[in-house]
Amino acid sequence: MNLDELVNEFADCVAAQSDAIAKSDPNAGNKFARRYIAAFERLRAHGDSGRDALAALLMDPRPDVRVMAAAYLLRHCEDRARTVLEAEAKGTGIVAFGAAQSLQRWNEGTWALDPA
């Protein structure tokens, strides 16, 4: 897969995981989580060009996709990622909770989604 395909895989699987969670289907949700994690690992293998490609999702129309991309990109583009997470954390629901948790882990120094 090229970078664009990997970014699309990441976004599609985050969206599918959210949809599975909404339908109370944790098994499907976990399957899609494994797929977007694998897509990120493949993007990460491309170094900063892979991370830069993923950063396009910081403006995705779906808040769940924006938040997940931002969570993975905190080390690479902290200011842009924090802006997304802080905006979404002001809301309610699972996406807002995930955004707040990502910020909390980052601030605590325990965040480790993309180690240096």
PDB file of N, CA and C in Angstrom:
ATOM      1  N   MET A   1       0.839  -1.192   0.000  1.00  0.00           N
ATOM      2  CA  MET A   1       0.000   0.000   0.000  1.00  0.00           C
ATOM      3  C   MET A   1       0.878   1.248   0.000  1.00  0.00           C
ATOM      4  N   ASN A   2       0.448   2.247  -0.747  1.00  0.00           N
ATOM      5  CA  ASN A   2       1.167   3.516  -0.721  1.00  0.00           C
ATOM      6  C   ASN A   2       0.663   4.353   0.470  1.00  0.00           C
ATOM      7  N   LEU A   3       1.260   5.510   0.676  1.00  0.00           N
ATOM      8  CA  LEU A   3       0.911   6.331   1.846  1.00  0.00           C
ATOM      9  C   LEU A   3      -0.561   6.728   1.855  1.00  0.00           C
ATOM     10  N   ASP A   4      -1.087   7.137   0.716  1.00  0.00           N
ATOM     11  CA  ASP A   4      -2.501   7.535   0.671  1.00  0.00           C
ATOM     12  C   ASP A   4      -3.416   6.371   1.032  1.00  0.00           C
ATOM     13  N   GLU A   5      -3.093   5.193   0.550  1.00  0.00           N
ATOM     14  CA  GLU A   5      -3.902   4.013   0.874  1.00  0.00           C
ATOM     15  C   GLU A   5      -3.830   3.681   2.362  1.00  0.00           C
ATOM     16  N   LEU A   6      -2.651   3.840   2.946  1.00  0.00           N
ATOM     17  CA  LEU A   6      -2.508   3.584   4.378  1.00  0.00           C
ATOM     18  C   LEU A   6      -3.288   4.602   5.206  1.00  0.00           C
ATOM     19  N   VAL A   7      -3.262   5.853   4.793  1.00  0.00           N
ATOM     20  CA  VAL A   7      -4.036   6.891   5.487  1.00  0.00           C
ATOM     21  C   VAL A   7      -5.527   6.577   5.372  1.00  0.00           C
ATOM     22  N   ASN A   8      -5.976   6.177   4.193  1.00  0.00           N
ATOM     23  CA  ASN A   8      -7.390   5.814   4.013  1.00  0.00           C
ATOM     24  C   ASN A   8      -7.755   4.601   4.867  1.00  0.00           C
ATOM     25  N   GLU A   9      -6.864   3.616   4.939  1.00  0.00           N
ATOM     26  CA  GLU A   9      -7.102   2.439   5.775  1.00  0.00           C
ATOM     27  C   GLU A   9      -7.248   2.855   7.241  1.00  0.00           C
ATOM     28  N   PHE A  10      -6.364   3.729   7.707  1.00  0.00           N
ATOM     29  CA  PHE A  10      -6.422   4.228   9.078  1.00  0.00           C
ATOM     30  C   PHE A  10      -7.784   4.881   9.322  1.00  0.00           C
ATOM     31  N   ALA A  11      -8.159   5.816   8.466  1.00  0.00           N
ATOM     32  CA  ALA A  11      -9.418   6.550   8.641  1.00  0.00           C
ATOM     33  C   ALA A  11     -10.628   5.622   8.566  1.00  0.00           C
ATOM     34  N   ASP A  12     -10.639   4.747   7.588  1.00  0.00           N
ATOM     35  CA  ASP A  12     -11.783   3.836   7.422  1.00  0.00           C
ATOM     36  C   ASP A  12     -11.939   2.920   8.633  1.00  0.00           C
ATOM     37  N   CYS A  13     -10.825   2.437   9.159  1.00  0.00           N
ATOM     38  CA  CYS A  13     -10.890   1.514  10.298  1.00  0.00           C
ATOM     39  C   CYS A  13     -11.254   2.225  11.597  1.00  0.00           C
ATOM     40  N   VAL A  14     -10.812   3.466  11.778  1.00  0.00           N
ATOM     41  CA  VAL A  14     -11.243   4.229  12.955  1.00  0.00           C
ATOM     42  C   VAL A  14     -12.755   4.429  12.886  1.00  0.00           C
ATOM     43  N   ALA A  15     -13.241   4.838  11.721  1.00  0.00           N
ATOM     44  CA  ALA A  15     -14.689   5.041  11.551  1.00  0.00           C
ATOM     45  C   ALA A  15     -15.454   3.735  11.776  1.00  0.00           C
ATOM     46  N   ALA A  16     -14.945   2.645  11.240  1.00  0.00           N
ATOM     47  CA  ALA A  16     -15.614   1.350  11.406  1.00  0.00           C
ATOM     48  C   ALA A  16     -15.598   0.909  12.870  1.00  0.00           C
ATOM     49  N   GLN A  17     -14.507   1.192  13.573  1.00  0.00           N
ATOM     50  CA  GLN A  17     -14.469   0.857  15.001  1.00  0.00           C
ATOM     51  C   GLN A  17     -15.530   1.658  15.752  1.00  0.00           C
ATOM     52  N   SER A  18     -15.647   2.935  15.472  1.00  0.00           N
ATOM     53  CA  SER A  18     -16.659   3.768  16.124  1.00  0.00           C
ATOM     54  C   SER A  18     -18.057   3.248  15.846  1.00  0.00           C
ATOM     55  N   ASP A  19     -18.301   2.868  14.606  1.00  0.00           N
ATOM     56  CA  ASP A  19     -19.612   2.336  14.245  1.00  0.00           C
ATOM     57  C   ASP A  19     -19.887   1.024  14.974  1.00  0.00           C
ATOM     58  N   ALA A  20     -18.871   0.172  15.098  1.00  0.00           N
ATOM     59  CA  ALA A  20     -19.041  -1.102  15.807  1.00  0.00           C
ATOM     60  C   ALA A  20     -19.320  -0.867  17.286  1.00  0.00           C
ATOM     61  N   ILE A  21     -18.646   0.101  17.880  1.00  0.00           N
ATOM     62  CA  ILE A  21     -18.878   0.435  19.291  1.00  0.00           C
ATOM     63  C   ILE A  21     -20.317   0.932  19.470  1.00  0.00           C
ATOM     64  N   ALA A  22     -20.770   1.766  18.531  1.00  0.00           N
ATOM     65  CA  ALA A  22     -22.146   2.284  18.608  1.00  0.00           C
ATOM     66  C   ALA A  22     -23.173   1.160  18.517  1.00  0.00           C
ATOM     67  N   LYS A  23     -22.815   0.082  17.854  1.00  0.00           N
ATOM     68  CA  LYS A  23     -23.712  -1.072  17.716  1.00  0.00           C
ATOM     69  C   LYS A  23     -23.453  -2.118  18.806  1.00  0.00           C
ATOM     70  N   SER A  24     -22.663  -1.760  19.795  1.00  0.00           N
ATOM     71  CA  SER A  24     -22.315  -2.676  20.887  1.00  0.00           C
ATOM     72  C   SER A  24     -21.701  -3.976  20.376  1.00  0.00           C
ATOM     73  N   ASP A  25     -20.762  -3.849  19.439  1.00  0.00           N
ATOM     74  CA  ASP A  25     -20.069  -5.011  18.879  1.00  0.00           C
ATOM     75  C   ASP A  25     -18.566  -4.870  19.145  1.00  0.00           C
ATOM     76  N   PRO A  26     -18.121  -5.194  20.372  1.00  0.00           N
ATOM     77  CA  PRO A  26     -16.721  -5.007  20.708  1.00  0.00           C
ATOM     78  C   PRO A  26     -15.763  -5.872  19.891  1.00  0.00           C
ATOM     79  N   ASN A  27     -16.188  -7.047  19.470  1.00  0.00           N
ATOM     80  CA  ASN A  27     -15.304  -7.903  18.672  1.00  0.00           C
ATOM     81  C   ASN A  27     -14.965  -7.241  17.340  1.00  0.00           C
ATOM     82  N   ALA A  28     -15.976  -6.696  16.680  1.00  0.00           N
ATOM     83  CA  ALA A  28     -15.724  -5.984  15.430  1.00  0.00           C
ATOM     84  C   ALA A  28     -14.890  -4.739  15.706  1.00  0.00           C
ATOM     85  N   GLY A  29     -15.195  -4.030  16.786  1.00  0.00           N
ATOM     86  CA  GLY A  29     -14.413  -2.845  17.138  1.00  0.00           C
ATOM     87  C   GLY A  29     -12.945  -3.172  17.322  1.00  0.00           C
ATOM     88  N   ASN A  30     -12.664  -4.264  18.010  1.00  0.00           N
ATOM     89  CA  ASN A  30     -11.271  -4.669  18.230  1.00  0.00           C
ATOM     90  C   ASN A  30     -10.583  -5.042  16.925  1.00  0.00           C
ATOM     91  N   LYS A  31     -11.317  -5.692  16.023  1.00  0.00           N
ATOM     92  CA  LYS A  31     -10.753  -6.056  14.719  1.00  0.00           C
ATOM     93  C   LYS A  31     -10.320  -4.802  13.963  1.00  0.00           C
ATOM     94  N   PHE A  32     -11.181  -3.783  13.967  1.00  0.00           N
ATOM     95  CA  PHE A  32     -10.843  -2.552  13.252  1.00  0.00           C
ATOM     96  C   PHE A  32      -9.729  -1.785  13.960  1.00  0.00           C
ATOM     97  N   ALA A  33      -9.672  -1.855  15.280  1.00  0.00           N
ATOM     98  CA  ALA A  33      -8.582  -1.212  16.013  1.00  0.00           C
ATOM     99  C   ALA A  33      -7.244  -1.834  15.611  1.00  0.00           C
ATOM    100  N   ARG A  34      -7.186  -3.144  15.534  1.00  0.00           N
ATOM    101  CA  ARG A  34      -5.942  -3.804  15.115  1.00  0.00           C
ATOM    102  C   ARG A  34      -5.530  -3.356  13.718  1.00  0.00           C
ATOM    103  N   ARG A  35      -6.510  -3.154  12.857  1.00  0.00           N
ATOM    104  CA  ARG A  35      -6.204  -2.741  11.483  1.00  0.00           C
ATOM    105  C   ARG A  35      -5.682  -1.307  11.424  1.00  0.00           C
ATOM    106  N   TYR A  36      -6.263  -0.374  12.205  1.00  0.00           N
ATOM    107  CA  TYR A  36      -5.731   0.994  12.120  1.00  0.00           C
ATOM    108  C   TYR A  36      -4.391   1.107  12.822  1.00  0.00           C
ATOM    109  N   ILE A  37      -4.171   0.310  13.843  1.00  0.00           N
ATOM    110  CA  ILE A  37      -2.845   0.291  14.479  1.00  0.00           C
ATOM    111  C   ILE A  37      -1.810  -0.231  13.485  1.00  0.00           C
ATOM    112  N   ALA A  38      -2.152  -1.277  12.758  1.00  0.00           N
ATOM    113  CA  ALA A  38      -1.234  -1.819  11.748  1.00  0.00           C
ATOM    114  C   ALA A  38      -0.970  -0.792  10.648  1.00  0.00           C
ATOM    115  N   ALA A  39      -1.999  -0.066  10.245  1.00  0.00           N
ATOM    116  CA  ALA A  39      -1.811   0.977   9.227  1.00  0.00           C
ATOM    117  C   ALA A  39      -0.869   2.046   9.747  1.00  0.00           C
ATOM    118  N   PHE A  40      -1.041   2.439  11.014  1.00  0.00           N
ATOM    119  CA  PHE A  40      -0.129   3.441  11.572  1.00  0.00           C
ATOM    120  C   PHE A  40       1.302   2.912  11.610  1.00  0.00           C
ATOM    121  N   GLU A  41       1.479   1.677  12.010  1.00  0.00           N
ATOM    122  CA  GLU A  41       2.835   1.110  12.059  1.00  0.00           C
ATOM    123  C   GLU A  41       3.487   1.129  10.681  1.00  0.00           C
ATOM    124  N   ARG A  42       2.707   0.870   9.655  1.00  0.00           N
ATOM    125  CA  ARG A  42       3.248   0.919   8.294  1.00  0.00           C
ATOM    126  C   ARG A  42       3.552   2.356   7.876  1.00  0.00           C
ATOM    127  N   LEU A  43       2.712   3.300   8.277  1.00  0.00           N
ATOM    128  CA  LEU A  43       3.005   4.711   8.010  1.00  0.00           C
ATOM    129  C   LEU A  43       4.267   5.131   8.748  1.00  0.00           C
ATOM    130  N   ARG A  44       4.365   4.721   9.992  1.00  0.00           N
ATOM    131  CA  ARG A  44       5.521   5.051  10.827  1.00  0.00           C
ATOM    132  C   ARG A  44       6.821   4.526  10.225  1.00  0.00           C
ATOM    133  N   ALA A  45       6.750   3.385   9.562  1.00  0.00           N
ATOM    134  CA  ALA A  45       7.934   2.807   8.924  1.00  0.00           C
ATOM    135  C   ALA A  45       8.476   3.718   7.819  1.00  0.00           C
ATOM    136  N   HIS A  46       7.639   4.620   7.318  1.00  0.00           N
ATOM    137  CA  HIS A  46       8.064   5.590   6.301  1.00  0.00           C
ATOM    138  C   HIS A  46       8.663   6.847   6.938  1.00  0.00           C
ATOM    139  N   GLY A  47       8.749   6.877   8.257  1.00  0.00           N
ATOM    140  CA  GLY A  47       9.313   8.032   8.946  1.00  0.00           C
ATOM    141  C   GLY A  47       8.378   9.223   8.912  1.00  0.00           C
ATOM    142  N   ASP A  48       8.967  10.397   8.888  1.00  0.00           N
ATOM    143  CA  ASP A  48       8.157  11.612   8.941  1.00  0.00           C
ATOM    144  C   ASP A  48       7.250  11.785   7.723  1.00  0.00           C
ATOM    145  N   SER A  49       7.608  11.220   6.584  1.00  0.00           N
ATOM    146  CA  SER A  49       6.713  11.334   5.427  1.00  0.00           C
ATOM    147  C   SER A  49       5.412  10.565   5.685  1.00  0.00           C
ATOM    148  N   GLY A  50       5.481   9.446   6.388  1.00  0.00           N
ATOM    149  CA  GLY A  50       4.276   8.719   6.760  1.00  0.00           C
ATOM    150  C   GLY A  50       3.447   9.486   7.768  1.00  0.00           C
ATOM    151  N   ARG A  51       4.119  10.087   8.743  1.00  0.00           N
ATOM    152  CA  ARG A  51       3.415  10.891   9.747  1.00  0.00           C
ATOM    153  C   ARG A  51       2.784  12.130   9.099  1.00  0.00           C
ATOM    154  N   ASP A  52       3.512  12.753   8.183  1.00  0.00           N
ATOM    155  CA  ASP A  52       2.964  13.916   7.475  1.00  0.00           C
ATOM    156  C   ASP A  52       1.720  13.528   6.678  1.00  0.00           C
ATOM    157  N   ALA A  53       1.741  12.359   6.076  1.00  0.00           N
ATOM    158  CA  ALA A  53       0.563  11.893   5.327  1.00  0.00           C
ATOM    159  C   ALA A  53      -0.616  11.713   6.274  1.00  0.00           C
ATOM    160  N   LEU A  54      -0.379  11.132   7.445  1.00  0.00           N
ATOM    161  CA  LEU A  54      -1.447  10.937   8.423  1.00  0.00           C
ATOM    162  C   LEU A  54      -2.005  12.269   8.924  1.00  0.00           C
ATOM    163  N   ALA A  55      -1.164  13.287   8.976  1.00  0.00           N
ATOM    164  CA  ALA A  55      -1.587  14.595   9.479  1.00  0.00           C
ATOM    165  C   ALA A  55      -2.721  15.197   8.658  1.00  0.00           C
ATOM    166  N   ALA A  56      -2.918  14.734   7.438  1.00  0.00           N
ATOM    167  CA  ALA A  56      -4.054  15.220   6.636  1.00  0.00           C
ATOM    168  C   ALA A  56      -5.370  14.918   7.341  1.00  0.00           C
ATOM    169  N   LEU A  57      -5.396  13.864   8.168  1.00  0.00           N
ATOM    170  CA  LEU A  57      -6.626  13.488   8.868  1.00  0.00           C
ATOM    171  C   LEU A  57      -6.956  14.415  10.030  1.00  0.00           C
ATOM    172  N   LEU A  58      -6.069  15.323  10.388  1.00  0.00           N
ATOM    173  CA  LEU A  58      -6.376  16.279  11.445  1.00  0.00           C
ATOM    174  C   LEU A  58      -7.508  17.214  11.032  1.00  0.00           C
ATOM    175  N   MET A  59      -7.846  17.205   9.748  1.00  0.00           N
ATOM    176  CA  MET A  59      -8.947  18.029   9.246  1.00  0.00           C
ATOM    177  C   MET A  59     -10.072  17.173   8.689  1.00  0.00           C
ATOM    178  N   ASP A  60     -10.088  15.902   9.021  1.00  0.00           N
ATOM    179  CA  ASP A  60     -11.137  15.004   8.542  1.00  0.00           C
ATOM    180  C   ASP A  60     -12.496  15.467   9.055  1.00  0.00           C
ATOM    181  N   PRO A  61     -13.557  15.255   8.302  1.00  0.00           N
ATOM    182  CA  PRO A  61     -14.880  15.667   8.773  1.00  0.00           C
ATOM    183  C   PRO A  61     -15.377  14.879   9.996  1.00  0.00           C
ATOM    184  N   ARG A  62     -14.875  13.680  10.189  1.00  0.00           N
ATOM    185  CA  ARG A  62     -15.327  12.864  11.327  1.00  0.00           C
ATOM    186  C   ARG A  62     -14.474  13.163  12.551  1.00  0.00           C
ATOM    187  N   PRO A  63     -15.084  13.549  13.654  1.00  0.00           N
ATOM    188  CA  PRO A  63     -14.307  13.858  14.858  1.00  0.00           C
ATOM    189  C   PRO A  63     -13.548  12.646  15.403  1.00  0.00           C
ATOM    190  N   ASP A  64     -14.092  11.452  15.285  1.00  0.00           N
ATOM    191  CA  ASP A  64     -13.384  10.276  15.777  1.00  0.00           C
ATOM    192  C   ASP A  64     -12.083  10.056  15.013  1.00  0.00           C
ATOM    193  N   VAL A  65     -12.103  10.293  13.718  1.00  0.00           N
ATOM    194  CA  VAL A  65     -10.903  10.137  12.890  1.00  0.00           C
ATOM    195  C   VAL A  65      -9.894  11.229  13.232  1.00  0.00           C
ATOM    196  N   ARG A  66     -10.366  12.476  13.373  1.00  0.00           N
ATOM    197  CA  ARG A  66      -9.462  13.579  13.745  1.00  0.00           C
ATOM    198  C   ARG A  66      -8.774  13.297  15.066  1.00  0.00           C
ATOM    199  N   VAL A  67      -9.549  12.857  16.059  1.00  0.00           N
ATOM    200  CA  VAL A  67      -9.001  12.626  17.400  1.00  0.00           C
ATOM    201  C   VAL A  67      -7.996  11.489  17.383  1.00  0.00           C
ATOM    202  N   MET A  68      -8.298  10.405  16.697  1.00  0.00           N
ATOM    203  CA  MET A  68      -7.363   9.285  16.682  1.00  0.00           C
ATOM    204  C   MET A  68      -6.074   9.670  15.972  1.00  0.00           C
ATOM    205  N   ALA A  69      -6.185  10.367  14.855  1.00  0.00           N
ATOM    206  CA  ALA A  69      -4.980  10.826  14.163  1.00  0.00           C
ATOM    207  C   ALA A  69      -4.178  11.759  15.067  1.00  0.00           C
ATOM    208  N   ALA A  70      -4.857  12.677  15.730  1.00  0.00           N
ATOM    209  CA  ALA A  70      -4.174  13.615  16.627  1.00  0.00           C
ATOM    210  C   ALA A  70      -3.478  12.884  17.766  1.00  0.00           C
ATOM    211  N   ALA A  71      -4.134  11.876  18.307  1.00  0.00           N
ATOM    212  CA  ALA A  71      -3.523  11.106  19.403  1.00  0.00           C
ATOM    213  C   ALA A  71      -2.211  10.474  18.958  1.00  0.00           C
ATOM    214  N   TYR A  72      -2.176   9.943  17.745  1.00  0.00           N
ATOM    215  CA  TYR A  72      -0.963   9.314  17.235  1.00  0.00           C
ATOM    216  C   TYR A  72       0.096  10.332  16.818  1.00  0.00           C
ATOM    217  N   LEU A  73      -0.307  11.565  16.562  1.00  0.00           N
ATOM    218  CA  LEU A  73       0.627  12.562  16.025  1.00  0.00           C
ATOM    219  C   LEU A  73       1.144  13.565  17.061  1.00  0.00           C
ATOM    220  N   LEU A  74       0.866  13.369  18.321  1.00  0.00           N
ATOM    221  CA  LEU A  74       1.285  14.346  19.331  1.00  0.00           C
ATOM    222  C   LEU A  74       2.794  14.606  19.310  1.00  0.00           C
ATOM    223  N   ARG A  75       3.586  13.587  19.187  1.00  0.00           N
ATOM    224  CA  ARG A  75       5.044  13.802  19.183  1.00  0.00           C
ATOM    225  C   ARG A  75       5.505  14.465  17.892  1.00  0.00           C
ATOM    226  N   HIS A  76       4.874  14.139  16.791  1.00  0.00           N
ATOM    227  CA  HIS A  76       5.311  14.639  15.488  1.00  0.00           C
ATOM    228  C   HIS A  76       4.901  16.086  15.242  1.00  0.00           C
ATOM    229  N   CYS A  77       3.684  16.434  15.566  1.00  0.00           N
ATOM    230  CA  CYS A  77       3.197  17.813  15.330  1.00  0.00           C
ATOM    231  C   CYS A  77       2.316  18.214  16.514  1.00  0.00           C
ATOM    232  N   GLU A  78       2.959  18.404  17.653  1.00  0.00           N
ATOM    233  CA  GLU A  78       2.244  18.631  18.912  1.00  0.00           C
ATOM    234  C   GLU A  78       1.234  19.759  18.849  1.00  0.00           C
ATOM    235  N   ASP A  79       1.613  20.908  18.334  1.00  0.00           N
ATOM    236  CA  ASP A  79       0.701  22.052  18.352  1.00  0.00           C
ATOM    237  C   ASP A  79      -0.588  21.767  17.584  1.00  0.00           C
ATOM    238  N   ARG A  80      -0.457  21.218  16.390  1.00  0.00           N
ATOM    239  CA  ARG A  80      -1.642  20.916  15.577  1.00  0.00           C
ATOM    240  C   ARG A  80      -2.484  19.822  16.222  1.00  0.00           C
ATOM    241  N   ALA A  81      -1.819  18.796  16.734  1.00  0.00           N
ATOM    242  CA  ALA A  81      -2.543  17.687  17.362  1.00  0.00           C
ATOM    243  C   ALA A  81      -3.259  18.160  18.630  1.00  0.00           C
ATOM    244  N   ARG A  82      -2.581  18.960  19.449  1.00  0.00           N
ATOM    245  CA  ARG A  82      -3.196  19.475  20.676  1.00  0.00           C
ATOM    246  C   ARG A  82      -4.420  20.321  20.354  1.00  0.00           C
ATOM    247  N   THR A  83      -4.338  21.120  19.314  1.00  0.00           N
ATOM    248  CA  THR A  83      -5.469  21.963  18.929  1.00  0.00           C
ATOM    249  C   THR A  83      -6.700  21.107  18.645  1.00  0.00           C
ATOM    250  N   VAL A  84      -6.523  20.018  17.911  1.00  0.00           N
ATOM    251  CA  VAL A  84      -7.633  19.109  17.609  1.00  0.00           C
ATOM    252  C   VAL A  84      -8.152  18.475  18.893  1.00  0.00           C
ATOM    253  N   LEU A  85      -7.252  17.939  19.697  1.00  0.00           N
ATOM    254  CA  LEU A  85      -7.652  17.241  20.916  1.00  0.00           C
ATOM    255  C   LEU A  85      -8.335  18.182  21.902  1.00  0.00           C
ATOM    256  N   GLU A  86      -7.810  19.372  22.078  1.00  0.00           N
ATOM    257  CA  GLU A  86      -8.412  20.327  23.013  1.00  0.00           C
ATOM    258  C   GLU A  86      -9.813  20.733  22.556  1.00  0.00           C
ATOM    259  N   ALA A  87      -9.984  20.940  21.257  1.00  0.00           N
ATOM    260  CA  ALA A  87     -11.311  21.317  20.745  1.00  0.00           C
ATOM    261  C   ALA A  87     -12.311  20.191  20.966  1.00  0.00           C
ATOM    262  N   GLU A  88     -11.919  18.982  20.659  1.00  0.00           N
ATOM    263  CA  GLU A  88     -12.844  17.849  20.797  1.00  0.00           C
ATOM    264  C   GLU A  88     -13.090  17.484  22.260  1.00  0.00           C
ATOM    265  N   ALA A  89     -12.116  17.687  23.120  1.00  0.00           N
ATOM    266  CA  ALA A  89     -12.263  17.354  24.545  1.00  0.00           C
ATOM    267  C   ALA A  89     -13.327  18.211  25.221  1.00  0.00           C
ATOM    268  N   LYS A  90     -13.692  19.319  24.625  1.00  0.00           N
ATOM    269  CA  LYS A  90     -14.722  20.197  25.194  1.00  0.00           C
ATOM    270  C   LYS A  90     -16.129  19.641  24.989  1.00  0.00           C
ATOM    271  N   GLY A  91     -16.250  18.644  24.138  1.00  0.00           N
ATOM    272  CA  GLY A  91     -17.558  18.082  23.840  1.00  0.00           C
ATOM    273  C   GLY A  91     -17.969  17.023  24.847  1.00  0.00           C
ATOM    274  N   THR A  92     -18.894  16.188  24.421  1.00  0.00           N
ATOM    275  CA  THR A  92     -19.373  15.090  25.255  1.00  0.00           C
ATOM    276  C   THR A  92     -19.265  13.802  24.458  1.00  0.00           C
ATOM    277  N   GLY A  93     -19.354  12.693  25.142  1.00  0.00           N
ATOM    278  CA  GLY A  93     -19.349  11.403  24.472  1.00  0.00           C
ATOM    279  C   GLY A  93     -17.976  10.769  24.437  1.00  0.00           C
ATOM    280  N   ILE A  94     -17.914   9.642  23.763  1.00  0.00           N
ATOM    281  CA  ILE A  94     -16.704   8.823  23.741  1.00  0.00           C
ATOM    282  C   ILE A  94     -15.544   9.511  23.023  1.00  0.00           C
ATOM    283  N   VAL A  95     -15.828  10.273  21.985  1.00  0.00           N
ATOM    284  CA  VAL A  95     -14.754  10.958  21.261  1.00  0.00           C
ATOM    285  C   VAL A  95     -14.125  12.028  22.149  1.00  0.00           C
ATOM    286  N   ALA A  96     -14.951  12.782  22.837  1.00  0.00           N
ATOM    287  CA  ALA A  96     -14.446  13.806  23.757  1.00  0.00           C
ATOM    288  C   ALA A  96     -13.639  13.160  24.877  1.00  0.00           C
ATOM    289  N   PHE A  97     -14.121  12.049  25.393  1.00  0.00           N
ATOM    290  CA  PHE A  97     -13.403  11.329  26.442  1.00  0.00           C
ATOM    291  C   PHE A  97     -12.032  10.874  25.931  1.00  0.00           C
ATOM    292  N   GLY A  98     -11.996  10.302  24.730  1.00  0.00           N
ATOM    293  CA  GLY A  98     -10.727   9.864  24.152  1.00  0.00           C
ATOM    294  C   GLY A  98      -9.757  11.009  23.949  1.00  0.00           C
ATOM    295  N   ALA A  99     -10.268  12.136  23.505  1.00  0.00           N
ATOM    296  CA  ALA A  99      -9.410  13.317  23.316  1.00  0.00           C
ATOM    297  C   ALA A  99      -8.836  13.774  24.650  1.00  0.00           C
ATOM    298  N   ALA A 100      -9.682  13.839  25.676  1.00  0.00           N
ATOM    299  CA  ALA A 100      -9.222  14.263  27.006  1.00  0.00           C
ATOM    300  C   ALA A 100      -8.197  13.290  27.567  1.00  0.00           C
ATOM    301  N   GLN A 101      -8.415  12.002  27.377  1.00  0.00           N
ATOM    302  CA  GLN A 101      -7.478  11.002  27.879  1.00  0.00           C
ATOM    303  C   GLN A 101      -6.132  11.097  27.163  1.00  0.00           C
ATOM    304  N   SER A 102      -6.153  11.335  25.867  1.00  0.00           N
ATOM    305  CA  SER A 102      -4.902  11.497  25.120  1.00  0.00           C
ATOM    306  C   SER A 102      -4.108  12.683  25.645  1.00  0.00           C
ATOM    307  N   LEU A 103      -4.804  13.799  25.863  1.00  0.00           N
ATOM    308  CA  LEU A 103      -4.125  14.976  26.414  1.00  0.00           C
ATOM    309  C   LEU A 103      -3.586  14.707  27.808  1.00  0.00           C
ATOM    310  N   GLN A 104      -4.362  14.029  28.627  1.00  0.00           N
ATOM    311  CA  GLN A 104      -3.915  13.728  29.988  1.00  0.00           C
ATOM    312  C   GLN A 104      -2.651  12.868  29.952  1.00  0.00           C
ATOM    313  N   ARG A 105      -2.635  11.825  29.140  1.00  0.00           N
ATOM    314  CA  ARG A 105      -1.460  10.946  29.059  1.00  0.00           C
ATOM    315  C   ARG A 105      -0.252  11.709  28.524  1.00  0.00           C
ATOM    316  N   TRP A 106      -0.478  12.587  27.569  1.00  0.00           N
ATOM    317  CA  TRP A 106       0.612  13.404  27.023  1.00  0.00           C
ATOM    318  C   TRP A 106       1.185  14.306  28.117  1.00  0.00           C
ATOM    319  N   ASN A 107       0.297  14.976  28.843  1.00  0.00           N
ATOM    320  CA  ASN A 107       0.734  15.891  29.899  1.00  0.00           C
ATOM    321  C   ASN A 107       1.435  15.174  31.043  1.00  0.00           C
ATOM    322  N   GLU A 108       1.022  13.935  31.329  1.00  0.00           N
ATOM    323  CA  GLU A 108       1.655  13.136  32.380  1.00  0.00           C
ATOM    324  C   GLU A 108       3.006  12.564  31.962  1.00  0.00           C
ATOM    325  N   GLY A 109       3.238  12.548  30.662  1.00  0.00           N
ATOM    326  CA  GLY A 109       4.468  11.949  30.154  1.00  0.00           C
ATOM    327  C   GLY A 109       4.370  10.441  29.985  1.00  0.00           C
ATOM    328  N   THR A 110       3.149   9.911  29.989  1.00  0.00           N
ATOM    329  CA  THR A 110       2.977   8.460  29.826  1.00  0.00           C
ATOM    330  C   THR A 110       2.506   8.068  28.439  1.00  0.00           C
ATOM    331  N   TRP A 111       2.300   9.032  27.559  1.00  0.00           N
ATOM    332  CA  TRP A 111       1.862   8.778  26.187  1.00  0.00           C
ATOM    333  C   TRP A 111       2.980   8.034  25.448  1.00  0.00           C
ATOM    334  N   ALA A 112       2.621   7.003  24.703  1.00  0.00           N
ATOM    335  CA  ALA A 112       3.660   6.222  24.007  1.00  0.00           C
ATOM    336  C   ALA A 112       3.138   5.621  22.707  1.00  0.00           C
ATOM    337  N   LEU A 113       2.297   6.326  21.968  1.00  0.00           N
ATOM    338  CA  LEU A 113       1.761   5.763  20.731  1.00  0.00           C
ATOM    339  C   LEU A 113       2.778   5.779  19.586  1.00  0.00           C
ATOM    340  N   ASP A 114       3.706   6.710  19.615  1.00  0.00           N
ATOM    341  CA  ASP A 114       4.710   6.831  18.556  1.00  0.00           C
ATOM    342  C   ASP A 114       6.049   7.208  19.200  1.00  0.00           C
ATOM    343  N   PRO A 115       6.695   6.236  19.859  1.00  0.00           N
ATOM    344  CA  PRO A 115       7.953   6.564  20.545  1.00  0.00           C
ATOM    345  C   PRO A 115       9.022   7.049  19.571  1.00  0.00           C
ATOM    346  N   ALA A 116       9.899   7.868  20.072  1.00  0.00           N
ATOM    347  CA  ALA A 116      10.985   8.423  19.242  1.00  0.00           C
ATOM    348  C   ALA A 116      11.917   7.337  18.752  1.00  0.00           C
TER     349      ALA A 116
END
